[in-house]
Amino acid sequence: SATLAVHPLNNVTWQSVSPPKFANNGYNMYFTVSRNQFRAWNGAPGVRQTQFDRQASHQYGVTPRGNPTSQPPFASLALSSDPIAPNLYGGSAIQRFVAMDSTMNVLWEFNTTSLVVTEAMVSPDDTVVYFVEENGLVHSMDALTGVENWRSFAGNSPVRSKFAQSSDGTFLYIGDLSGNVIKWRVATAPTSMPSASPTPSPTPMPTAGPTPAPIPQTMSPTGSPSSSPSGSPTMAITSMPTVSPSMVPSAMPSGTTAVPSPPPSPGPTPIPTAAPTPRPSPAILQTTPGPTTSGAS
């Protein structure tokens, strides 16, 4: 069995005010430290030099530093959905929001009007990142390019607590210091999500003829059917569907018996289904031009 141990970080000269984030089955750790810095430990199984009691693998220091200069970024980094090497998004200790790859290379930066003290949110398809400034200004950004989609104030009060996103990425829920909770529609989810496995049962092929119905009793040998139906009316069945539904079916020839259509094949012909990919691409959300307020309390 595995043995758990505590490895002290000797000669530490920094502090952090937010919890770290993990990826790569726990071998990668991303965190914020004093002097407005982001750091990453990108480990590998069995590699001693990459364990957490060594110097961080990568780091990025935002300049200038905060006030005081020892101030670390206020919130944890937000991670994209890549399980091994996610992109990282977070506010710094100054009025600047930063996007980085998993090795702390800067993808883009965005200057804000106030500090970002809450954790950002990444859409389920990794195309949009949302963050809220302390003054309540909400931003929707293209996650890869840093182009701003829209901005809007959540209300008239500061926002200092973490906000939430619905599982399908269509709504944001933001609470402010006045006790208001705002629900915003920020995207439109696709009508159906891609399935991770093929449909368990094949889709039946449409039949060439009409759906079979119960076989009626032998018709009278006279030239026309009886004038009145029996106790409960029953639809008469023609051997094949007529061209126009308004036409009256012709009488059966004298002395003959109605023969039903041959029964359909025992089972539907399965439609071949392409083998699924091991990990289907997430559905792409349709972002809205701006948020739509759905409710407040």
Protein backbone atom coordinates (compact mmCIF):
# COMPACT_ATOMS: atom_id res chain seq x y z
CA SER A 1 0.00 0.00 0.00
CA ALA A 2 1.08 3.60 -0.61
CA THR A 3 2.63 5.54 2.25
CA LEU A 4 1.60 9.14 2.75
CA ALA A 5 4.18 11.59 4.00
CA VAL A 6 4.57 15.31 4.61
CA HIS A 7 7.49 17.01 2.92
CA PRO A 8 8.27 20.46 4.39
CA LEU A 9 9.00 23.27 1.96
CA ASN A 10 12.29 24.55 3.38
CA ASN A 11 13.29 28.22 3.26
CA VAL A 12 9.92 29.36 1.96
CA THR A 13 9.87 33.10 1.39
CA TRP A 14 6.37 33.40 0.01
CA GLN A 15 2.77 32.98 1.11
CA SER A 16 -0.49 32.20 -0.64
CA VAL A 17 -4.08 33.22 0.14
CA SER A 18 -5.97 30.82 -2.16
CA PRO A 19 -6.06 27.03 -2.60
CA PRO A 20 -4.05 25.40 -5.42
CA LYS A 21 -5.53 23.63 -8.44
CA PHE A 22 -4.47 20.20 -9.71
CA ALA A 23 -4.31 18.41 -13.08
CA ASN A 24 -2.58 15.40 -14.64
CA ASN A 25 -3.93 13.01 -11.98
CA GLY A 26 -2.45 15.14 -9.23
CA TYR A 27 1.06 15.45 -10.68
CA ASN A 28 0.54 19.07 -11.77
CA MET A 29 -0.24 21.83 -9.28
CA TYR A 30 -0.98 25.48 -10.05
CA PHE A 31 -0.97 28.13 -7.35
CA THR A 32 -0.43 31.82 -6.57
CA VAL A 33 2.22 33.27 -4.24
CA SER A 34 3.56 36.52 -2.86
CA ARG A 35 4.84 39.33 -5.06
CA ASN A 36 2.06 38.87 -7.60
CA GLN A 37 3.31 35.53 -8.93
CA PHE A 38 1.76 32.44 -10.48
CA ARG A 39 3.61 29.13 -10.17
CA ALA A 40 3.30 25.60 -11.50
CA TRP A 41 4.67 22.21 -10.51
CA ASN A 42 4.39 19.99 -13.57
CA GLY A 43 5.34 16.55 -12.34
CA ALA A 44 5.76 13.11 -13.81
CA PRO A 45 5.30 9.69 -12.18
CA GLY A 46 8.55 8.43 -10.66
CA VAL A 47 10.60 11.52 -11.49
CA ARG A 48 12.15 12.74 -8.24
CA GLN A 49 13.04 16.18 -9.58
CA THR A 50 9.40 17.01 -10.24
CA GLN A 51 8.00 16.28 -6.79
CA PHE A 52 6.38 19.07 -4.84
CA ASP A 53 9.23 19.54 -2.35
CA ARG A 54 11.43 20.92 -5.12
CA GLN A 55 11.44 24.31 -6.81
CA ALA A 56 8.40 25.04 -8.96
CA SER A 57 8.79 23.99 -12.59
CA HIS A 58 7.42 27.23 -14.02
CA GLN A 59 6.41 30.66 -12.78
CA TYR A 60 5.18 34.00 -14.06
CA GLY A 61 5.44 37.24 -12.13
CA VAL A 62 3.06 40.06 -13.04
CA THR A 63 4.60 43.53 -12.93
CA PRO A 64 4.21 45.89 -11.30
CA ARG A 65 3.55 44.19 -7.99
CA GLY A 66 0.48 44.78 -5.88
CA ASN A 67 -0.06 47.00 -2.86
CA PRO A 68 1.62 45.94 -0.65
CA THR A 69 4.31 44.57 -2.95
CA SER A 70 4.16 41.21 -1.17
CA GLN A 71 0.47 40.76 -2.05
CA PRO A 72 -0.27 37.48 -3.90
CA PRO A 73 -3.13 37.18 -6.39
CA PHE A 74 -6.41 37.00 -4.49
CA ALA A 75 -8.10 33.92 -5.99
CA SER A 76 -7.26 30.50 -7.36
CA LEU A 77 -6.60 29.97 -11.03
CA ALA A 78 -9.40 28.67 -13.26
CA LEU A 79 -8.46 25.70 -15.46
CA SER A 80 -9.71 24.61 -18.87
CA SER A 81 -10.98 21.05 -19.26
CA ASP A 82 -7.75 19.53 -20.61
CA PRO A 83 -6.90 16.90 -17.95
CA ILE A 84 -3.14 16.92 -18.64
CA ALA A 85 -2.12 20.42 -19.74
CA PRO A 86 -4.96 22.89 -19.12
CA ASN A 87 -4.89 26.59 -19.87
CA LEU A 88 -4.92 28.82 -16.78
CA TYR A 89 -6.93 32.00 -16.11
CA GLY A 90 -6.87 34.36 -13.15
CA GLY A 91 -6.80 37.89 -11.78
CA SER A 92 -3.53 39.24 -10.45
CA ALA A 93 -2.74 41.45 -7.46
CA ILE A 94 -3.12 44.50 -9.71
CA GLN A 95 -5.84 45.52 -12.14
CA ARG A 96 -4.92 42.91 -14.74
CA PHE A 97 -6.39 39.55 -15.76
CA VAL A 98 -3.98 36.93 -17.16
CA ALA A 99 -4.36 33.84 -19.38
CA MET A 100 -1.49 31.30 -19.52
CA ASP A 101 -0.79 27.82 -20.78
CA SER A 102 0.14 24.98 -18.42
CA THR A 103 3.82 26.03 -18.40
CA MET A 104 3.04 29.65 -17.49
CA ASN A 105 3.58 31.08 -20.97
CA VAL A 106 1.29 34.11 -21.27
CA LEU A 107 -1.49 33.75 -23.85
CA TRP A 108 -2.99 37.20 -23.28
CA GLU A 109 -3.52 39.86 -20.62
CA PHE A 110 -6.41 42.25 -20.06
CA ASN A 111 -6.40 45.46 -18.02
CA THR A 112 -9.40 45.86 -15.71
CA THR A 113 -11.05 48.82 -14.00
CA SER A 114 -10.76 47.30 -10.51
CA LEU A 115 -9.21 44.26 -8.85
CA VAL A 116 -10.41 40.72 -9.63
CA VAL A 117 -10.71 39.00 -6.25
CA THR A 118 -12.87 36.02 -7.29
CA GLU A 119 -12.07 32.91 -9.31
CA ALA A 120 -12.91 33.00 -13.02
CA MET A 121 -15.13 30.46 -14.82
CA VAL A 122 -14.41 28.66 -18.10
CA SER A 123 -17.28 27.51 -20.31
CA PRO A 124 -17.70 23.73 -20.73
CA ASP A 125 -16.44 23.89 -24.33
CA ASP A 126 -13.36 25.96 -23.30
CA THR A 127 -14.21 28.79 -25.71
CA VAL A 128 -15.22 31.48 -23.20
CA VAL A 129 -13.83 32.63 -19.86
CA TYR A 130 -15.92 34.79 -17.50
CA PHE A 131 -14.60 36.92 -14.64
CA VAL A 132 -16.06 39.54 -12.34
CA GLU A 133 -14.26 42.62 -11.09
CA GLU A 134 -14.64 43.73 -7.50
CA ASN A 135 -16.81 46.66 -8.64
CA GLY A 136 -19.34 44.18 -10.13
CA LEU A 137 -18.31 44.50 -13.79
CA VAL A 138 -18.64 41.12 -15.53
CA HIS A 139 -16.52 40.26 -18.58
CA SER A 140 -17.00 37.58 -21.24
CA MET A 141 -13.73 36.88 -23.06
CA ASP A 142 -12.65 34.65 -25.92
CA ALA A 143 -10.59 32.12 -23.99
CA LEU A 144 -7.93 31.67 -26.67
CA THR A 145 -7.51 35.17 -28.11
CA GLY A 146 -8.49 37.46 -25.23
CA VAL A 147 -10.99 39.37 -27.38
CA GLU A 148 -13.79 40.74 -25.20
CA ASN A 149 -17.24 39.44 -26.16
CA TRP A 150 -19.16 41.78 -23.85
CA ARG A 151 -19.11 43.47 -20.43
CA SER A 152 -21.95 44.40 -18.10
CA PHE A 153 -22.44 45.33 -14.45
CA ALA A 154 -24.09 42.66 -12.32
CA GLY A 155 -25.61 45.32 -10.07
CA ASN A 156 -24.70 48.31 -7.96
CA SER A 157 -22.73 46.50 -5.25
CA PRO A 158 -19.21 45.00 -5.10
CA VAL A 159 -18.68 41.31 -5.88
CA ARG A 160 -16.12 39.52 -3.71
CA SER A 161 -17.43 35.96 -3.56
CA LYS A 162 -17.05 33.17 -6.07
CA PHE A 163 -19.81 33.00 -8.66
CA ALA A 164 -21.27 29.89 -10.28
CA GLN A 165 -21.96 28.54 -13.75
CA SER A 166 -24.63 26.02 -14.76
CA SER A 167 -23.37 22.62 -15.87
CA ASP A 168 -24.28 23.26 -19.51
CA GLY A 169 -22.71 26.74 -19.50
CA THR A 170 -25.89 28.65 -20.30
CA PHE A 171 -26.30 30.56 -17.00
CA LEU A 172 -24.14 32.49 -14.53
CA TYR A 173 -25.18 33.04 -10.91
CA ILE A 174 -23.57 36.05 -9.24
CA GLY A 175 -24.05 37.28 -5.67
CA ASP A 176 -23.07 40.74 -4.46
CA LEU A 177 -22.46 42.37 -1.09
CA SER A 178 -26.03 43.72 -0.95
CA GLY A 179 -27.46 40.20 -0.82
CA ASN A 180 -28.63 40.08 -4.43
CA VAL A 181 -28.23 36.95 -6.54
CA ILE A 182 -28.43 37.55 -10.28
CA LYS A 183 -29.10 34.77 -12.80
CA TRP A 184 -27.84 35.59 -16.28
CA ARG A 185 -28.31 33.69 -19.52
CA VAL A 186 -24.97 33.98 -21.28
CA ALA A 187 -25.17 31.22 -23.92
CA THR A 188 -27.56 28.90 -25.71
CA ALA A 189 -26.88 25.18 -25.30
CA PRO A 190 -27.10 22.89 -28.34
CA THR A 191 -30.26 20.82 -28.70
CA SER A 192 -28.39 17.57 -28.17
CA MET A 193 -25.01 16.70 -26.72
CA PRO A 194 -22.73 14.25 -28.55
CA SER A 195 -22.91 10.76 -27.11
CA ALA A 196 -19.77 9.02 -25.89
CA SER A 197 -20.95 5.64 -27.24
CA PRO A 198 -23.11 4.46 -30.14
CA THR A 199 -26.82 3.96 -29.73
CA PRO A 200 -27.32 0.62 -27.92
CA SER A 201 -30.01 -0.59 -30.33
CA PRO A 202 -30.04 0.00 -34.11
CA THR A 203 -32.45 2.51 -35.54
CA PRO A 204 -35.14 0.67 -37.52
CA MET A 205 -35.38 1.30 -41.25
CA PRO A 206 -38.74 2.60 -42.48
CA THR A 207 -40.89 -0.14 -44.01
CA ALA A 208 -41.75 -0.06 -47.72
CA GLY A 209 -45.46 -0.54 -47.12
CA PRO A 210 -48.01 0.62 -44.57
CA THR A 211 -47.95 -0.57 -40.98
CA PRO A 212 -49.74 -3.94 -40.76
CA ALA A 213 -53.11 -3.96 -39.02
CA PRO A 214 -55.36 -6.80 -37.75
CA ILE A 215 -56.70 -8.97 -40.58
CA PRO A 216 -60.47 -8.42 -41.10
CA GLN A 217 -62.98 -11.22 -41.41
CA THR A 218 -63.57 -12.72 -44.82
CA MET A 219 -65.56 -10.26 -46.86
CA SER A 220 -68.96 -11.14 -48.19
CA PRO A 221 -68.88 -12.65 -51.70
CA THR A 222 -71.39 -10.04 -52.78
CA GLY A 223 -70.13 -7.13 -54.81
CA SER A 224 -70.23 -4.54 -52.05
CA PRO A 225 -69.43 -4.55 -48.34
CA SER A 226 -72.19 -4.67 -45.74
CA SER A 227 -73.99 -1.37 -45.31
CA SER A 228 -73.40 -1.05 -41.57
CA PRO A 229 -70.36 -2.01 -39.48
CA SER A 230 -70.48 -4.38 -36.55
CA GLY A 231 -70.61 -3.21 -32.92
CA SER A 232 -67.47 -1.01 -33.12
CA PRO A 233 -66.34 0.62 -36.36
CA THR A 234 -63.24 -0.94 -37.96
CA MET A 235 -61.11 0.68 -40.66
CA ALA A 236 -61.20 -1.34 -43.85
CA ILE A 237 -57.76 -2.40 -45.08
CA THR A 238 -56.77 -2.21 -48.71
CA SER A 239 -54.10 -4.51 -50.07
CA MET A 240 -51.92 -1.49 -50.94
CA PRO A 241 -52.28 2.19 -50.05
CA THR A 242 -54.31 4.16 -52.58
CA VAL A 243 -52.80 7.12 -54.42
CA SER A 244 -55.23 9.61 -52.94
CA PRO A 245 -56.61 9.13 -49.46
CA SER A 246 -59.93 10.67 -50.50
CA MET A 247 -60.74 7.93 -53.03
CA VAL A 248 -63.22 5.25 -52.02
CA PRO A 249 -61.64 1.77 -52.10
CA SER A 250 -63.07 -0.39 -54.86
CA ALA A 251 -65.12 -3.42 -53.91
CA MET A 252 -63.36 -6.74 -53.85
CA PRO A 253 -64.11 -9.02 -56.81
CA SER A 254 -66.96 -11.46 -56.28
CA GLY A 255 -65.97 -14.75 -54.73
CA THR A 256 -62.54 -13.63 -53.58
CA THR A 257 -61.12 -13.19 -50.13
CA ALA A 258 -59.01 -10.22 -48.97
CA VAL A 259 -55.40 -11.27 -48.70
CA PRO A 260 -53.29 -9.27 -46.25
CA SER A 261 -49.90 -7.92 -47.19
CA PRO A 262 -47.02 -10.24 -46.38
CA PRO A 263 -45.71 -9.67 -42.88
CA PRO A 264 -42.66 -7.47 -42.49
CA SER A 265 -39.20 -8.93 -42.00
CA PRO A 266 -38.57 -10.37 -38.48
CA GLY A 267 -36.34 -7.49 -37.46
CA PRO A 268 -35.33 -4.04 -38.68
CA THR A 269 -32.23 -3.68 -40.77
CA PRO A 270 -29.64 -2.02 -38.51
CA ILE A 271 -28.05 1.18 -39.70
CA PRO A 272 -24.29 0.95 -39.45
CA THR A 273 -23.00 3.40 -36.90
CA ALA A 274 -19.52 4.91 -37.02
CA ALA A 275 -17.32 3.86 -34.15
CA PRO A 276 -17.29 6.54 -31.45
CA THR A 277 -14.19 8.51 -30.69
CA PRO A 278 -12.66 7.72 -27.27
CA ARG A 279 -13.40 11.25 -26.04
CA PRO A 280 -16.03 13.17 -28.04
CA SER A 281 -15.51 16.86 -28.57
CA PRO A 282 -17.70 18.96 -26.31
CA ALA A 283 -20.69 20.66 -27.85
CA ILE A 284 -20.07 24.25 -28.89
CA LEU A 285 -22.12 26.81 -27.00
CA GLN A 286 -23.69 29.71 -28.84
CA THR A 287 -22.64 32.76 -26.86
CA THR A 288 -25.13 35.59 -26.53
CA PRO A 289 -24.28 39.19 -27.50
CA GLY A 290 -24.79 40.13 -23.86
CA PRO A 291 -26.21 38.67 -20.66
CA THR A 292 -29.96 38.32 -20.17
CA THR A 293 -31.16 38.72 -16.61
CA SER A 294 -33.44 35.80 -15.73
CA GLY A 295 -34.11 36.63 -12.09
CA ALA A 296 -32.89 38.27 -8.91
CA SER A 297 -33.55 37.86 -5.26
